[in-house]
C-alpha atoms as a PDB file:
ATOM      1  CA  UNK A   1     -24.144  -9.005   5.445  1.00  0.00           C
ATOM      2  CA  UNK A   2     -25.123  -5.349   4.780  1.00  0.00           C
ATOM      3  CA  UNK A   3     -27.262  -5.344   7.930  1.00  0.00           C
ATOM      4  CA  UNK A   4     -24.304  -6.519  10.006  1.00  0.00           C
ATOM      5  CA  UNK A   5     -22.048  -3.809   8.568  1.00  0.00           C
ATOM      6  CA  UNK A   6     -24.704  -1.194   9.199  1.00  0.00           C
ATOM      7  CA  UNK A   7     -25.129  -2.385  12.788  1.00  0.00           C
ATOM      8  CA  UNK A   8     -21.393  -2.380  13.476  1.00  0.00           C
ATOM      9  CA  UNK A   9     -21.116   1.104  11.945  1.00  0.00           C
ATOM     10  CA  UNK A  10     -23.952   2.359  14.107  1.00  0.00           C
ATOM     11  CA  UNK A  11     -22.299   0.875  17.239  1.00  0.00           C
ATOM     12  CA  UNK A  12     -18.952   2.405  16.359  1.00  0.00           C
ATOM     13  CA  UNK A  13     -20.556   5.805  15.820  1.00  0.00           C
ATOM     14  CA  UNK A  14     -22.355   5.527  19.147  1.00  0.00           C
ATOM     15  CA  UNK A  15     -19.094   4.724  20.941  1.00  0.00           C
ATOM     16  CA  UNK A  16     -17.372   7.707  19.324  1.00  0.00           C
ATOM     17  CA  UNK A  17     -20.205  10.059  20.298  1.00  0.00           C
ATOM     18  CA  UNK A  18     -20.291   8.883  23.885  1.00  0.00           C
ATOM     19  CA  UNK A  19     -16.540   9.460  24.367  1.00  0.00           C
ATOM     20  CA  UNK A  20     -16.608  13.066  23.128  1.00  0.00           C
ATOM     21  CA  UNK A  21     -17.744  14.464  26.475  1.00  0.00           C
ATOM     22  CA  UNK A  22     -15.071  12.910  28.673  1.00  0.00           C
ATOM     23  CA  UNK A  23     -14.137  15.082  31.688  1.00  0.00           C
ATOM     24  CA  UNK A  24     -11.592  14.978  34.427  1.00  0.00           C
ATOM     25  CA  UNK A  25     -12.154  16.316  37.930  1.00  0.00           C
ATOM     26  CA  UNK A  26      -9.896  18.888  39.571  1.00  0.00           C
ATOM     27  CA  UNK A  27     -10.489  20.691  42.884  1.00  0.00           C
ATOM     28  CA  UNK A  28     -10.897  24.402  43.678  1.00  0.00           C
ATOM     29  CA  UNK A  29      -7.917  25.680  45.720  1.00  0.00           C
ATOM     30  CA  UNK A  30     -10.169  27.878  47.834  1.00  0.00           C
ATOM     31  CA  UNK A  31     -13.189  25.726  48.775  1.00  0.00           C
ATOM     32  CA  UNK A  32     -12.159  22.251  47.508  1.00  0.00           C
ATOM     33  CA  UNK A  33     -15.229  22.022  45.239  1.00  0.00           C
ATOM     34  CA  UNK A  34     -14.917  19.668  42.259  1.00  0.00           C
ATOM     35  CA  UNK A  35     -14.280  21.461  38.952  1.00  0.00           C
ATOM     36  CA  UNK A  36     -14.758  19.503  35.750  1.00  0.00           C
ATOM     37  CA  UNK A  37     -12.572  20.183  32.733  1.00  0.00           C
ATOM     38  CA  UNK A  38     -12.179  18.420  29.360  1.00  0.00           C
ATOM     39  CA  UNK A  39     -10.143  15.282  29.530  1.00  0.00           C
ATOM     40  CA  UNK A  40      -7.953  16.649  26.715  1.00  0.00           C
ATOM     41  CA  UNK A  41      -7.026  19.696  28.828  1.00  0.00           C
ATOM     42  CA  UNK A  42      -3.518  19.854  30.143  1.00  0.00           C
ATOM     43  CA  UNK A  43      -4.701  21.340  33.465  1.00  0.00           C
ATOM     44  CA  UNK A  44      -3.462  19.486  36.547  1.00  0.00           C
ATOM     45  CA  UNK A  45      -4.048  19.688  40.301  1.00  0.00           C
ATOM     46  CA  UNK A  46      -0.789  21.597  40.693  1.00  0.00           C
ATOM     47  CA  UNK A  47      -2.283  24.582  38.885  1.00  0.00           C
ATOM     48  CA  UNK A  48      -4.135  27.369  40.731  1.00  0.00           C
ATOM     49  CA  UNK A  49      -7.711  26.361  40.061  1.00  0.00           C
ATOM     50  CA  UNK A  50     -10.816  28.174  41.321  1.00  0.00           C
ATOM     51  CA  UNK A  51     -14.528  27.390  40.830  1.00  0.00           C
ATOM     52  CA  UNK A  52     -16.782  30.072  39.345  1.00  0.00           C
ATOM     53  CA  UNK A  53     -18.111  31.226  42.733  1.00  0.00           C
ATOM     54  CA  UNK A  54     -14.599  31.599  44.218  1.00  0.00           C
ATOM     55  CA  UNK A  55     -13.417  33.476  41.147  1.00  0.00           C
ATOM     56  CA  UNK A  56     -16.188  36.030  41.715  1.00  0.00           C
ATOM     57  CA  UNK A  57     -15.495  36.265  45.457  1.00  0.00           C
ATOM     58  CA  UNK A  58     -11.762  36.765  44.913  1.00  0.00           C
ATOM     59  CA  UNK A  59     -12.284  39.216  42.028  1.00  0.00           C
ATOM     60  CA  UNK A  60     -10.563  36.942  39.524  1.00  0.00           C
ATOM     61  CA  UNK A  61     -13.436  36.591  37.043  1.00  0.00           C
ATOM     62  CA  UNK A  62     -12.567  38.268  33.781  1.00  0.00           C
ATOM     63  CA  UNK A  63     -15.967  38.156  32.037  1.00  0.00           C
ATOM     64  CA  UNK A  64     -16.616  41.502  30.314  1.00  0.00           C
ATOM     65  CA  UNK A  65     -20.248  42.350  29.677  1.00  0.00           C
END
């Protein structure tokens, strides 16, 4: 009985860990490249979305070094 409970617990933990990295795919408005964001993000296709390369080309990147 203890082995069964341990096995079920391990399977449940594995399922939880596998679902943590869920992503949804959006598209860059400039080049139509796929951009992955967390599934929990409220970003939608209606937003202005740019991939990293297009952000740099358009001067929209805000990374301060």
